[in-house]
Amino acid sequence: MPVVAYSPVEQGRPLAHPGLAAMAADRGVTSAPLALAWLLARDGVLGIPRAGSIAHVRDNQAALNLTLSEAEQRHLDARFPAPCGPQPLAML
């Protein structure tokens, strides 16, 4: 059963994270497409990113052109670990 990530970047909250911003800068993109590419690289996960402007649409499209290495995926997994157990649904 696939998982649907509604608001996959938590309305932008993690985009200012220094580790994500630094990795994105190294790749020549902003944090949003990098975060979305990381999400989309996971099997069985579907993302529904916001597209409230042309800039958002371009960022979302840029994510499709990013292929993350295994090392980059492990790095992001370490910076943003999955919860250890059940968590209440966050209010956005």
PDB file of N, CA and C in Angstrom:
ATOM      1  N   MET A   1       0.852  -1.163   0.000  1.00  0.00           N
ATOM      2  CA  MET A   1       0.000   0.000   0.000  1.00  0.00           C
ATOM      3  C   MET A   1       0.908   1.240   0.000  1.00  0.00           C
ATOM      4  N   PRO A   2       0.741   2.123  -0.962  1.00  0.00           N
ATOM      5  CA  PRO A   2       1.601   3.308  -0.993  1.00  0.00           C
ATOM      6  C   PRO A   2       1.255   4.290   0.125  1.00  0.00           C
ATOM      7  N   VAL A   3       2.237   5.072   0.475  1.00  0.00           N
ATOM      8  CA  VAL A   3       2.064   6.141   1.457  1.00  0.00           C
ATOM      9  C   VAL A   3       1.953   7.439   0.674  1.00  0.00           C
ATOM     10  N   VAL A   4       0.985   8.270   1.028  1.00  0.00           N
ATOM     11  CA  VAL A   4       0.826   9.564   0.371  1.00  0.00           C
ATOM     12  C   VAL A   4       1.333  10.640   1.319  1.00  0.00           C
ATOM     13  N   ALA A   5       2.309  11.402   0.842  1.00  0.00           N
ATOM     14  CA  ALA A   5       2.875  12.491   1.639  1.00  0.00           C
ATOM     15  C   ALA A   5       2.185  13.786   1.233  1.00  0.00           C
ATOM     16  N   TYR A   6       1.151  14.130   1.971  1.00  0.00           N
ATOM     17  CA  TYR A   6       0.450  15.387   1.732  1.00  0.00           C
ATOM     18  C   TYR A   6       1.244  16.468   2.444  1.00  0.00           C
ATOM     19  N   SER A   7       1.537  17.557   1.779  1.00  0.00           N
ATOM     20  CA  SER A   7       2.399  18.609   2.312  1.00  0.00           C
ATOM     21  C   SER A   7       3.749  18.002   2.701  1.00  0.00           C
ATOM     22  N   PRO A   8       4.455  17.418   1.712  1.00  0.00           N
ATOM     23  CA  PRO A   8       5.662  16.646   1.999  1.00  0.00           C
ATOM     24  C   PRO A   8       6.810  17.423   2.621  1.00  0.00           C
ATOM     25  N   VAL A   9       6.816  18.731   2.521  1.00  0.00           N
ATOM     26  CA  VAL A   9       7.886  19.490   3.167  1.00  0.00           C
ATOM     27  C   VAL A   9       7.338  20.386   4.283  1.00  0.00           C
ATOM     28  N   GLU A  10       6.268  19.925   4.920  1.00  0.00           N
ATOM     29  CA  GLU A  10       5.699  20.577   6.106  1.00  0.00           C
ATOM     30  C   GLU A  10       5.566  22.080   5.948  1.00  0.00           C
ATOM     31  N   GLN A  11       4.965  22.495   4.858  1.00  0.00           N
ATOM     32  CA  GLN A  11       4.758  23.913   4.567  1.00  0.00           C
ATOM     33  C   GLN A  11       6.061  24.700   4.612  1.00  0.00           C
ATOM     34  N   GLY A  12       7.148  24.047   4.253  1.00  0.00           N
ATOM     35  CA  GLY A  12       8.436  24.721   4.146  1.00  0.00           C
ATOM     36  C   GLY A  12       9.288  24.757   5.397  1.00  0.00           C
ATOM     37  N   ARG A  13       8.800  24.243   6.505  1.00  0.00           N
ATOM     38  CA  ARG A  13       9.564  24.339   7.754  1.00  0.00           C
ATOM     39  C   ARG A  13      10.966  23.740   7.669  1.00  0.00           C
ATOM     40  N   PRO A  14      11.163  22.543   7.112  1.00  0.00           N
ATOM     41  CA  PRO A  14      12.526  22.000   7.099  1.00  0.00           C
ATOM     42  C   PRO A  14      13.434  22.609   6.033  1.00  0.00           C
ATOM     43  N   LEU A  15      12.904  23.435   5.152  1.00  0.00           N
ATOM     44  CA  LEU A  15      13.704  23.947   4.048  1.00  0.00           C
ATOM     45  C   LEU A  15      14.824  24.863   4.501  1.00  0.00           C
ATOM     46  N   ALA A  16      14.707  25.443   5.676  1.00  0.00           N
ATOM     47  CA  ALA A  16      15.749  26.324   6.199  1.00  0.00           C
ATOM     48  C   ALA A  16      16.813  25.553   6.992  1.00  0.00           C
ATOM     49  N   HIS A  17      16.645  24.245   7.126  1.00  0.00           N
ATOM     50  CA  HIS A  17      17.614  23.437   7.868  1.00  0.00           C
ATOM     51  C   HIS A  17      18.989  23.602   7.221  1.00  0.00           C
ATOM     52  N   PRO A  18      20.027  23.944   8.018  1.00  0.00           N
ATOM     53  CA  PRO A  18      21.352  24.202   7.444  1.00  0.00           C
ATOM     54  C   PRO A  18      21.915  23.037   6.633  1.00  0.00           C
ATOM     55  N   GLY A  19      21.705  21.810   7.088  1.00  0.00           N
ATOM     56  CA  GLY A  19      22.225  20.654   6.361  1.00  0.00           C
ATOM     57  C   GLY A  19      21.565  20.483   5.003  1.00  0.00           C
ATOM     58  N   LEU A  20      20.259  20.688   4.946  1.00  0.00           N
ATOM     59  CA  LEU A  20      19.533  20.571   3.687  1.00  0.00           C
ATOM     60  C   LEU A  20      19.921  21.711   2.748  1.00  0.00           C
ATOM     61  N   ALA A  21      20.009  22.920   3.284  1.00  0.00           N
ATOM     62  CA  ALA A  21      20.371  24.080   2.463  1.00  0.00           C
ATOM     63  C   ALA A  21      21.776  23.933   1.893  1.00  0.00           C
ATOM     64  N   ALA A  22      22.711  23.426   2.688  1.00  0.00           N
ATOM     65  CA  ALA A  22      24.090  23.250   2.220  1.00  0.00           C
ATOM     66  C   ALA A  22      24.160  22.195   1.120  1.00  0.00           C
ATOM     67  N   MET A  23      23.452  21.090   1.306  1.00  0.00           N
ATOM     68  CA  MET A  23      23.454  20.038   0.291  1.00  0.00           C
ATOM     69  C   MET A  23      22.804  20.550  -0.993  1.00  0.00           C
ATOM     70  N   ALA A  24      21.732  21.295  -0.869  1.00  0.00           N
ATOM     71  CA  ALA A  24      21.059  21.847  -2.045  1.00  0.00           C
ATOM     72  C   ALA A  24      21.986  22.809  -2.783  1.00  0.00           C
ATOM     73  N   ALA A  25      22.674  23.662  -2.040  1.00  0.00           N
ATOM     74  CA  ALA A  25      23.598  24.611  -2.670  1.00  0.00           C
ATOM     75  C   ALA A  25      24.697  23.869  -3.419  1.00  0.00           C
ATOM     76  N   ASP A  26      25.201  22.781  -2.843  1.00  0.00           N
ATOM     77  CA  ASP A  26      26.227  21.976  -3.511  1.00  0.00           C
ATOM     78  C   ASP A  26      25.706  21.405  -4.833  1.00  0.00           C
ATOM     79  N   ARG A  27      24.407  21.117  -4.877  1.00  0.00           N
ATOM     80  CA  ARG A  27      23.801  20.550  -6.093  1.00  0.00           C
ATOM     81  C   ARG A  27      23.311  21.629  -7.059  1.00  0.00           C
ATOM     82  N   GLY A  28      23.365  22.903  -6.647  1.00  0.00           N
ATOM     83  CA  GLY A  28      22.922  23.989  -7.506  1.00  0.00           C
ATOM     84  C   GLY A  28      21.420  24.147  -7.586  1.00  0.00           C
ATOM     85  N   VAL A  29      20.719  23.702  -6.536  1.00  0.00           N
ATOM     86  CA  VAL A  29      19.261  23.831  -6.482  1.00  0.00           C
ATOM     87  C   VAL A  29      18.884  24.440  -5.137  1.00  0.00           C
ATOM     88  N   THR A  30      17.604  24.720  -4.974  1.00  0.00           N
ATOM     89  CA  THR A  30      17.120  25.175  -3.665  1.00  0.00           C
ATOM     90  C   THR A  30      16.751  23.959  -2.825  1.00  0.00           C
ATOM     91  N   SER A  31      16.445  24.190  -1.588  1.00  0.00           N
ATOM     92  CA  SER A  31      16.117  23.097  -0.665  1.00  0.00           C
ATOM     93  C   SER A  31      14.845  22.347  -1.053  1.00  0.00           C
ATOM     94  N   ALA A  32      13.866  23.048  -1.602  1.00  0.00           N
ATOM     95  CA  ALA A  32      12.577  22.407  -1.906  1.00  0.00           C
ATOM     96  C   ALA A  32      12.696  21.252  -2.897  1.00  0.00           C
ATOM     97  N   PRO A  33      13.323  21.432  -4.070  1.00  0.00           N
ATOM     98  CA  PRO A  33      13.410  20.286  -4.969  1.00  0.00           C
ATOM     99  C   PRO A  33      14.286  19.169  -4.425  1.00  0.00           C
ATOM    100  N   LEU A  34      15.295  19.507  -3.643  1.00  0.00           N
ATOM    101  CA  LEU A  34      16.127  18.460  -3.053  1.00  0.00           C
ATOM    102  C   LEU A  34      15.303  17.619  -2.080  1.00  0.00           C
ATOM    103  N   ALA A  35      14.530  18.282  -1.224  1.00  0.00           N
ATOM    104  CA  ALA A  35      13.691  17.559  -0.268  1.00  0.00           C
ATOM    105  C   ALA A  35      12.651  16.705  -0.995  1.00  0.00           C
ATOM    106  N   LEU A  36      12.057  17.246  -2.044  1.00  0.00           N
ATOM    107  CA  LEU A  36      11.053  16.501  -2.796  1.00  0.00           C
ATOM    108  C   LEU A  36      11.691  15.318  -3.529  1.00  0.00           C
ATOM    109  N   ALA A  37      12.881  15.511  -4.090  1.00  0.00           N
ATOM    110  CA  ALA A  37      13.579  14.412  -4.771  1.00  0.00           C
ATOM    111  C   ALA A  37      13.899  13.299  -3.783  1.00  0.00           C
ATOM    112  N   TRP A  38      14.273  13.658  -2.564  1.00  0.00           N
ATOM    113  CA  TRP A  38      14.568  12.662  -1.521  1.00  0.00           C
ATOM    114  C   TRP A  38      13.315  11.848  -1.209  1.00  0.00           C
ATOM    115  N   LEU A  39      12.192  12.524  -1.096  1.00  0.00           N
ATOM    116  CA  LEU A  39      10.927  11.844  -0.832  1.00  0.00           C
ATOM    117  C   LEU A  39      10.553  10.927  -1.996  1.00  0.00           C
ATOM    118  N   LEU A  40      10.655  11.430  -3.212  1.00  0.00           N
ATOM    119  CA  LEU A  40      10.244  10.663  -4.382  1.00  0.00           C
ATOM    120  C   LEU A  40      11.156   9.474  -4.662  1.00  0.00           C
ATOM    121  N   ALA A  41      12.364   9.480  -4.109  1.00  0.00           N
ATOM    122  CA  ALA A  41      13.295   8.360  -4.297  1.00  0.00           C
ATOM    123  C   ALA A  41      12.883   7.130  -3.490  1.00  0.00           C
ATOM    124  N   ARG A  42      11.957   7.300  -2.577  1.00  0.00           N
ATOM    125  CA  ARG A  42      11.514   6.188  -1.736  1.00  0.00           C
ATOM    126  C   ARG A  42      10.452   5.365  -2.461  1.00  0.00           C
ATOM    127  N   ASP A  43      10.620   4.058  -2.435  1.00  0.00           N
ATOM    128  CA  ASP A  43       9.624   3.170  -3.035  1.00  0.00           C
ATOM    129  C   ASP A  43       8.317   3.253  -2.256  1.00  0.00           C
ATOM    130  N   GLY A  44       7.216   3.300  -2.979  1.00  0.00           N
ATOM    131  CA  GLY A  44       5.909   3.260  -2.346  1.00  0.00           C
ATOM    132  C   GLY A  44       5.472   4.554  -1.702  1.00  0.00           C
ATOM    133  N   VAL A  45       6.154   5.667  -2.009  1.00  0.00           N
ATOM    134  CA  VAL A  45       5.775   6.961  -1.438  1.00  0.00           C
ATOM    135  C   VAL A  45       5.382   7.894  -2.572  1.00  0.00           C
ATOM    136  N   LEU A  46       4.223   8.506  -2.436  1.00  0.00           N
ATOM    137  CA  LEU A  46       3.734   9.488  -3.396  1.00  0.00           C
ATOM    138  C   LEU A  46       3.700  10.843  -2.716  1.00  0.00           C
ATOM    139  N   GLY A  47       4.156  11.864  -3.389  1.00  0.00           N
ATOM    140  CA  GLY A  47       4.159  13.201  -2.800  1.00  0.00           C
ATOM    141  C   GLY A  47       3.138  14.102  -3.463  1.00  0.00           C
ATOM    142  N   ILE A  48       2.510  14.953  -2.664  1.00  0.00           N
ATOM    143  CA  ILE A  48       1.578  15.957  -3.183  1.00  0.00           C
ATOM    144  C   ILE A  48       2.125  17.311  -2.735  1.00  0.00           C
ATOM    145  N   PRO A  49       3.091  17.849  -3.496  1.00  0.00           N
ATOM    146  CA  PRO A  49       3.678  19.125  -3.096  1.00  0.00           C
ATOM    147  C   PRO A  49       2.786  20.300  -3.483  1.00  0.00           C
ATOM    148  N   ARG A  50       2.977  21.393  -2.790  1.00  0.00           N
ATOM    149  CA  ARG A  50       2.234  22.610  -3.083  1.00  0.00           C
ATOM    150  C   ARG A  50       2.718  23.188  -4.412  1.00  0.00           C
ATOM    151  N   ALA A  51       1.839  23.785  -5.128  1.00  0.00           N
ATOM    152  CA  ALA A  51       2.190  24.466  -6.372  1.00  0.00           C
ATOM    153  C   ALA A  51       1.353  25.736  -6.480  1.00  0.00           C
ATOM    154  N   GLY A  52       1.582  26.660  -5.552  1.00  0.00           N
ATOM    155  CA  GLY A  52       0.787  27.876  -5.482  1.00  0.00           C
ATOM    156  C   GLY A  52       1.305  29.012  -6.340  1.00  0.00           C
ATOM    157  N   SER A  53       2.414  28.773  -7.033  1.00  0.00           N
ATOM    158  CA  SER A  53       2.977  29.811  -7.898  1.00  0.00           C
ATOM    159  C   SER A  53       3.796  29.132  -8.991  1.00  0.00           C
ATOM    160  N   ILE A  54       4.179  29.909  -9.988  1.00  0.00           N
ATOM    161  CA  ILE A  54       5.022  29.375 -11.056  1.00  0.00           C
ATOM    162  C   ILE A  54       6.355  28.911 -10.468  1.00  0.00           C
ATOM    163  N   ALA A  55       6.875  29.632  -9.491  1.00  0.00           N
ATOM    164  CA  ALA A  55       8.145  29.241  -8.858  1.00  0.00           C
ATOM    165  C   ALA A  55       8.011  27.879  -8.182  1.00  0.00           C
ATOM    166  N   HIS A  56       6.879  27.634  -7.526  1.00  0.00           N
ATOM    167  CA  HIS A  56       6.655  26.321  -6.904  1.00  0.00           C
ATOM    168  C   HIS A  56       6.613  25.219  -7.956  1.00  0.00           C
ATOM    169  N   VAL A  57       5.939  25.478  -9.065  1.00  0.00           N
ATOM    170  CA  VAL A  57       5.859  24.486 -10.138  1.00  0.00           C
ATOM    171  C   VAL A  57       7.256  24.187 -10.664  1.00  0.00           C
ATOM    172  N   ARG A  58       8.076  25.210 -10.839  1.00  0.00           N
ATOM    173  CA  ARG A  58       9.450  25.003 -11.330  1.00  0.00           C
ATOM    174  C   ARG A  58      10.282  24.213 -10.324  1.00  0.00           C
ATOM    175  N   ASP A  59      10.147  24.528  -9.045  1.00  0.00           N
ATOM    176  CA  ASP A  59      10.867  23.766  -8.013  1.00  0.00           C
ATOM    177  C   ASP A  59      10.426  22.305  -8.014  1.00  0.00           C
ATOM    178  N   ASN A  60       9.121  22.085  -8.119  1.00  0.00           N
ATOM    179  CA  ASN A  60       8.619  20.701  -8.147  1.00  0.00           C
ATOM    180  C   ASN A  60       9.155  19.956  -9.364  1.00  0.00           C
ATOM    181  N   GLN A  61       9.176  20.620 -10.500  1.00  0.00           N
ATOM    182  CA  GLN A  61       9.691  19.992 -11.720  1.00  0.00           C
ATOM    183  C   GLN A  61      11.186  19.708 -11.580  1.00  0.00           C
ATOM    184  N   ALA A  62      11.933  20.605 -10.950  1.00  0.00           N
ATOM    185  CA  ALA A  62      13.372  20.415 -10.769  1.00  0.00           C
ATOM    186  C   ALA A  62      13.661  19.147  -9.965  1.00  0.00           C
ATOM    187  N   ALA A  63      12.759  18.800  -9.070  1.00  0.00           N
ATOM    188  CA  ALA A  63      12.945  17.579  -8.265  1.00  0.00           C
ATOM    189  C   ALA A  63      12.984  16.338  -9.141  1.00  0.00           C
ATOM    190  N   LEU A  64      12.248  16.362 -10.244  1.00  0.00           N
ATOM    191  CA  LEU A  64      12.214  15.201 -11.141  1.00  0.00           C
ATOM    192  C   LEU A  64      13.540  14.996 -11.860  1.00  0.00           C
ATOM    193  N   ASN A  65      14.343  16.046 -11.948  1.00  0.00           N
ATOM    194  CA  ASN A  65      15.632  15.961 -12.632  1.00  0.00           C
ATOM    195  C   ASN A  65      16.788  15.645 -11.688  1.00  0.00           C
ATOM    196  N   LEU A  66      16.508  15.508 -10.404  1.00  0.00           N
ATOM    197  CA  LEU A  66      17.562  15.199  -9.434  1.00  0.00           C
ATOM    198  C   LEU A  66      17.591  13.704  -9.135  1.00  0.00           C
ATOM    199  N   THR A  67      18.738  13.125  -9.249  1.00  0.00           N
ATOM    200  CA  THR A  67      18.935  11.742  -8.831  1.00  0.00           C
ATOM    201  C   THR A  67      19.928  11.776  -7.682  1.00  0.00           C
ATOM    202  N   LEU A  68      19.487  11.352  -6.519  1.00  0.00           N
ATOM    203  CA  LEU A  68      20.345  11.378  -5.338  1.00  0.00           C
ATOM    204  C   LEU A  68      21.159  10.100  -5.244  1.00  0.00           C
ATOM    205  N   SER A  69      22.420  10.247  -4.889  1.00  0.00           N
ATOM    206  CA  SER A  69      23.265   9.075  -4.677  1.00  0.00           C
ATOM    207  C   SER A  69      22.837   8.391  -3.383  1.00  0.00           C
ATOM    208  N   GLU A  70      23.276   7.166  -3.212  1.00  0.00           N
ATOM    209  CA  GLU A  70      22.974   6.462  -1.956  1.00  0.00           C
ATOM    210  C   GLU A  70      23.556   7.216  -0.775  1.00  0.00           C
ATOM    211  N   ALA A  71      24.748   7.789  -0.943  1.00  0.00           N
ATOM    212  CA  ALA A  71      25.378   8.551   0.148  1.00  0.00           C
ATOM    213  C   ALA A  71      24.541   9.779   0.500  1.00  0.00           C
ATOM    214  N   GLU A  72      24.017  10.470  -0.518  1.00  0.00           N
ATOM    215  CA  GLU A  72      23.175  11.635  -0.244  1.00  0.00           C
ATOM    216  C   GLU A  72      21.884  11.219   0.458  1.00  0.00           C
ATOM    217  N   GLN A  73      21.293  10.109   0.025  1.00  0.00           N
ATOM    218  CA  GLN A  73      20.078   9.632   0.679  1.00  0.00           C
ATOM    219  C   GLN A  73      20.357   9.265   2.140  1.00  0.00           C
ATOM    220  N   ARG A  74      21.466   8.583   2.405  1.00  0.00           N
ATOM    221  CA  ARG A  74      21.818   8.229   3.786  1.00  0.00           C
ATOM    222  C   ARG A  74      22.052   9.486   4.617  1.00  0.00           C
ATOM    223  N   HIS A  75      22.695  10.484   4.019  1.00  0.00           N
ATOM    224  CA  HIS A  75      22.959  11.744   4.710  1.00  0.00           C
ATOM    225  C   HIS A  75      21.640  12.416   5.113  1.00  0.00           C
ATOM    226  N   LEU A  76      20.696  12.473   4.187  1.00  0.00           N
ATOM    227  CA  LEU A  76      19.397  13.084   4.497  1.00  0.00           C
ATOM    228  C   LEU A  76      18.609  12.236   5.488  1.00  0.00           C
ATOM    229  N   ASP A  77      18.694  10.909   5.365  1.00  0.00           N
ATOM    230  CA  ASP A  77      18.027  10.028   6.333  1.00  0.00           C
ATOM    231  C   ASP A  77      18.537  10.296   7.744  1.00  0.00           C
ATOM    232  N   ALA A  78      19.851  10.536   7.873  1.00  0.00           N
ATOM    233  CA  ALA A  78      20.441  10.801   9.193  1.00  0.00           C
ATOM    234  C   ALA A  78      20.025  12.170   9.720  1.00  0.00           C
ATOM    235  N   ARG A  79      19.936  13.149   8.830  1.00  0.00           N
ATOM    236  CA  ARG A  79      19.552  14.510   9.256  1.00  0.00           C
ATOM    237  C   ARG A  79      18.077  14.609   9.614  1.00  0.00           C
ATOM    238  N   PHE A  80      17.253  13.796   8.962  1.00  0.00           N
ATOM    239  CA  PHE A  80      15.802  13.825   9.172  1.00  0.00           C
ATOM    240  C   PHE A  80      15.310  12.406   9.432  1.00  0.00           C
ATOM    241  N   PRO A  81      15.619  11.859  10.612  1.00  0.00           N
ATOM    242  CA  PRO A  81      15.253  10.461  10.881  1.00  0.00           C
ATOM    243  C   PRO A  81      13.748  10.261  11.004  1.00  0.00           C
ATOM    244  N   ALA A  82      13.332   9.071  10.630  1.00  0.00           N
ATOM    245  CA  ALA A  82      11.926   8.692  10.798  1.00  0.00           C
ATOM    246  C   ALA A  82      11.622   8.581  12.288  1.00  0.00           C
ATOM    247  N   PRO A  83      10.385   8.789  12.693  1.00  0.00           N
ATOM    248  CA  PRO A  83      10.037   8.637  14.107  1.00  0.00           C
ATOM    249  C   PRO A  83      10.247   7.194  14.567  1.00  0.00           C
ATOM    250  N   CYS A  84      10.532   7.042  15.835  1.00  0.00           N
ATOM    251  CA  CYS A  84      10.788   5.711  16.408  1.00  0.00           C
ATOM    252  C   CYS A  84       9.509   4.926  16.680  1.00  0.00           C
ATOM    253  N   GLY A  85       8.392   5.591  16.655  1.00  0.00           N
ATOM    254  CA  GLY A  85       7.116   4.921  16.935  1.00  0.00           C
ATOM    255  C   GLY A  85       5.977   5.800  16.457  1.00  0.00           C
ATOM    256  N   PRO A  86       4.766   5.416  16.814  1.00  0.00           N
ATOM    257  CA  PRO A  86       3.600   6.202  16.390  1.00  0.00           C
ATOM    258  C   PRO A  86       3.691   7.653  16.864  1.00  0.00           C
ATOM    259  N   GLN A  87       3.287   8.549  16.000  1.00  0.00           N
ATOM    260  CA  GLN A  87       3.283   9.983  16.306  1.00  0.00           C
ATOM    261  C   GLN A  87       1.908  10.540  15.954  1.00  0.00           C
ATOM    262  N   PRO A  88       1.418  11.487  16.737  1.00  0.00           N
ATOM    263  CA  PRO A  88       0.155  12.118  16.353  1.00  0.00           C
ATOM    264  C   PRO A  88       0.355  12.913  15.070  1.00  0.00           C
ATOM    265  N   LEU A  89      -0.684  13.046  14.277  1.00  0.00           N
ATOM    266  CA  LEU A  89      -0.621  13.794  13.041  1.00  0.00           C
ATOM    267  C   LEU A  89      -0.410  15.261  13.379  1.00  0.00           C
ATOM    268  N   ALA A  90       0.604  15.847  12.754  1.00  0.00           N
ATOM    269  CA  ALA A  90       0.926  17.255  13.016  1.00  0.00           C
ATOM    270  C   ALA A  90      -0.156  18.149  12.424  1.00  0.00           C
ATOM    271  N   MET A  91      -0.450  19.222  13.101  1.00  0.00           N
ATOM    272  CA  MET A  91      -1.407  20.196  12.604  1.00  0.00           C
ATOM    273  C   MET A  91      -0.635  21.214  11.767  1.00  0.00           C
ATOM    274  N   LEU A  92      -1.005  21.367  10.513  1.00  0.00           N
ATOM    275  CA  LEU A  92      -0.306  22.306   9.622  1.00  0.00           C
ATOM    276  C   LEU A  92      -1.094  23.572   9.472  1.00  0.00           C
TER     277      LEU A  92
END
